[in-house]
Protein backbone atom coordinates (compact mmCIF):
# COMPACT_ATOMS: atom_id res chain seq x y z
CA MET A 1 9.06 75.67 -7.62
CA THR A 2 6.68 78.50 -6.83
CA ASP A 3 7.93 81.14 -4.42
CA PHE A 4 5.27 83.41 -2.95
CA ALA A 5 6.47 86.81 -1.74
CA ASP A 6 3.94 86.91 1.11
CA LEU A 7 0.60 85.61 2.32
CA ASN A 8 -1.37 88.01 0.12
CA GLU A 9 0.30 86.60 -2.96
CA LEU A 10 -0.49 83.09 -1.75
CA LYS A 11 -4.16 84.04 -1.33
CA SER A 12 -4.31 85.01 -4.99
CA ALA A 13 -3.34 81.45 -6.00
CA VAL A 14 -6.41 79.68 -4.55
CA GLY A 15 -7.79 77.18 -7.03
CA THR A 16 -4.47 76.60 -8.81
CA GLU A 17 -1.57 74.19 -8.80
CA ILE A 18 1.15 75.95 -6.82
CA GLY A 19 4.14 73.70 -7.38
CA VAL A 20 5.74 70.41 -8.34
CA SER A 21 8.78 68.97 -6.57
CA ASP A 22 11.79 67.18 -7.95
CA TRP A 23 11.77 63.40 -8.14
CA MET A 24 13.00 61.47 -5.09
CA THR A 25 14.20 57.86 -5.22
CA ILE A 26 12.98 55.59 -2.44
CA ASP A 27 15.82 53.24 -1.50
CA GLN A 28 15.84 50.28 0.86
CA GLN A 29 17.93 52.13 3.45
CA ARG A 30 15.23 54.83 3.78
CA VAL A 31 12.54 52.16 4.15
CA ASN A 32 14.59 50.31 6.79
CA THR A 33 15.27 53.52 8.71
CA PHE A 34 11.55 54.33 8.73
CA ALA A 35 10.78 50.79 9.90
CA ASP A 36 13.22 51.25 12.79
CA ALA A 37 11.72 54.63 13.71
CA THR A 38 8.15 53.31 13.73
CA ASP A 39 8.69 49.70 14.85
CA ASP A 40 6.92 48.57 11.68
CA HIS A 41 9.17 45.81 10.34
CA GLN A 42 6.60 44.03 8.22
CA TRP A 43 8.31 41.76 5.67
CA ILE A 44 6.78 43.51 2.64
CA HIS A 45 8.92 46.52 3.57
CA VAL A 46 12.17 45.20 5.05
CA ASP A 47 12.76 41.68 3.71
CA PRO A 48 13.61 41.93 0.00
CA ALA A 49 13.86 38.14 -0.46
CA ALA A 50 10.46 37.44 1.07
CA ALA A 51 8.91 40.51 -0.56
CA ALA A 52 10.07 39.27 -3.97
CA GLN A 53 7.69 36.34 -3.46
CA GLY A 54 4.89 38.55 -2.13
CA PRO A 55 2.00 40.38 -3.76
CA PHE A 56 4.09 43.35 -4.98
CA GLY A 57 7.06 41.46 -6.44
CA GLY A 58 9.51 43.21 -4.14
CA PRO A 59 9.68 45.44 -1.10
CA ILE A 60 7.47 48.53 -0.95
CA ALA A 61 7.64 51.72 1.09
CA HIS A 62 5.33 52.12 4.06
CA GLY A 63 2.33 54.26 3.18
CA PHE A 64 3.13 56.53 6.11
CA LEU A 65 6.71 56.91 4.84
CA THR A 66 5.31 58.13 1.54
CA LEU A 67 3.01 60.52 3.39
CA SER A 68 5.79 61.82 5.65
CA LEU A 69 7.94 62.58 2.60
CA SER A 70 5.26 65.03 1.49
CA VAL A 71 6.83 67.51 3.93
CA PRO A 72 10.22 67.87 2.20
CA LEU A 73 8.69 67.39 -1.25
CA VAL A 74 6.15 70.19 -0.71
CA GLY A 75 9.02 72.31 0.60
CA GLN A 76 10.72 71.84 -2.77
CA ALA A 77 7.54 72.61 -4.66
CA THR A 78 6.54 75.89 -3.02
CA THR A 79 7.65 78.43 -0.43
CA VAL A 80 6.11 81.47 1.23
CA ALA A 81 8.36 84.36 2.24
CA GLY A 82 7.62 86.91 4.94
CA ILE A 83 6.30 84.41 7.48
CA ARG A 84 7.59 83.52 10.93
CA MET A 85 6.89 79.81 10.47
CA GLY A 86 4.70 77.22 8.84
CA ILE A 87 2.98 74.55 10.91
CA ASN A 88 1.50 71.27 9.67
CA TYR A 89 -1.96 71.53 11.20
CA GLY A 90 -3.40 68.23 10.06
CA LEU A 91 -4.95 66.15 7.35
CA ASN A 92 -8.57 65.84 6.31
CA LYS A 93 -8.25 62.78 4.09
CA VAL A 94 -5.40 60.51 3.02
CA ARG A 95 -5.47 57.69 0.50
CA PHE A 96 -2.62 55.31 -0.38
CA ILE A 97 -3.53 54.37 -3.94
CA THR A 98 -0.47 52.82 -5.59
CA PRO A 99 2.31 51.03 -3.64
CA VAL A 100 5.76 52.61 -3.98
CA PRO A 101 8.35 49.96 -4.80
CA VAL A 102 11.85 50.26 -3.42
CA GLY A 103 13.81 51.94 -6.20
CA GLY A 104 10.75 53.88 -7.35
CA ARG A 105 10.72 57.64 -7.72
CA ILE A 106 8.08 59.93 -6.27
CA ARG A 107 7.32 63.64 -6.46
CA ALA A 108 4.69 65.98 -5.04
CA ARG A 109 2.18 68.03 -7.00
CA VAL A 110 0.54 70.69 -4.81
CA ALA A 111 -2.78 72.45 -5.38
CA LEU A 112 -4.05 75.28 -3.18
CA ASP A 113 -7.72 74.59 -2.46
CA ALA A 114 -8.67 77.28 0.05
CA VAL A 115 -7.27 79.82 2.50
CA ARG A 116 -8.69 81.60 5.48
CA ASP A 117 -7.38 84.18 7.87
CA ILE A 118 -6.62 82.99 11.39
CA PRO A 119 -5.26 84.95 14.34
CA GLY A 120 -1.61 85.66 13.54
CA GLY A 121 -1.62 84.27 10.02
CA LEU A 122 -3.34 82.21 7.37
CA GLN A 123 -4.62 78.64 7.14
CA ALA A 124 -4.25 76.93 3.77
CA ASP A 125 -5.97 73.76 2.59
CA ARG A 126 -3.92 71.95 -0.03
CA THR A 127 -4.23 68.78 -2.04
CA VAL A 128 -0.86 67.04 -2.15
CA THR A 129 -0.64 64.36 -4.79
CA ILE A 130 2.39 62.08 -4.50
CA GLU A 131 3.04 60.78 -7.99
CA LEU A 132 4.93 57.57 -8.70
CA GLU A 133 7.03 57.77 -11.83
CA GLY A 134 5.58 55.54 -14.54
CA ALA A 135 2.37 54.73 -12.66
CA GLU A 136 -1.09 55.51 -13.99
CA LYS A 137 -2.43 56.42 -10.55
CA PRO A 138 -0.73 58.39 -7.76
CA ALA A 139 0.94 56.74 -4.80
CA CYS A 140 -0.85 58.97 -2.30
CA VAL A 141 -3.33 61.83 -2.23
CA ALA A 142 -3.64 63.88 0.95
CA GLU A 143 -5.76 66.87 1.90
CA SER A 144 -3.21 68.78 3.94
CA ILE A 145 -3.78 71.77 6.21
CA VAL A 146 -0.93 74.15 6.93
CA ARG A 147 -0.87 77.28 9.05
CA TYR A 148 1.43 80.11 8.03
CA MET A 149 2.19 82.40 10.97
CA SER A 150 3.26 85.96 10.16
């Protein structure tokens, strides 16, 4: 984990990797809960028996579940002190590259690409790479924008 004392310290880290999270296991209960929350009950996610016969050999996490888990994973990887709040401002580009099988473990690797001052704080552009343990390619790569309000 990388803890930044304030926004000025964060600014000095542009162009570097700023943190790596712990590994998180994706279990079937999490996938089912996400399916219930989003009304996306496609069999490749929620029916282990059918998914075992499908293209991935078992159930896989929703891509958007993987993306949504970037929030707590990035929170493990890096923090900024001395701010009032951080706001997810948006995404420029997201790619789901490698399916995450149920039982797989993911983690986030965070790079700080750019920062700019905004009224009341700082906007940071980050590349969040969600790695899948044992996979050659990442599960997800997202260009994330966060606003830190001081």
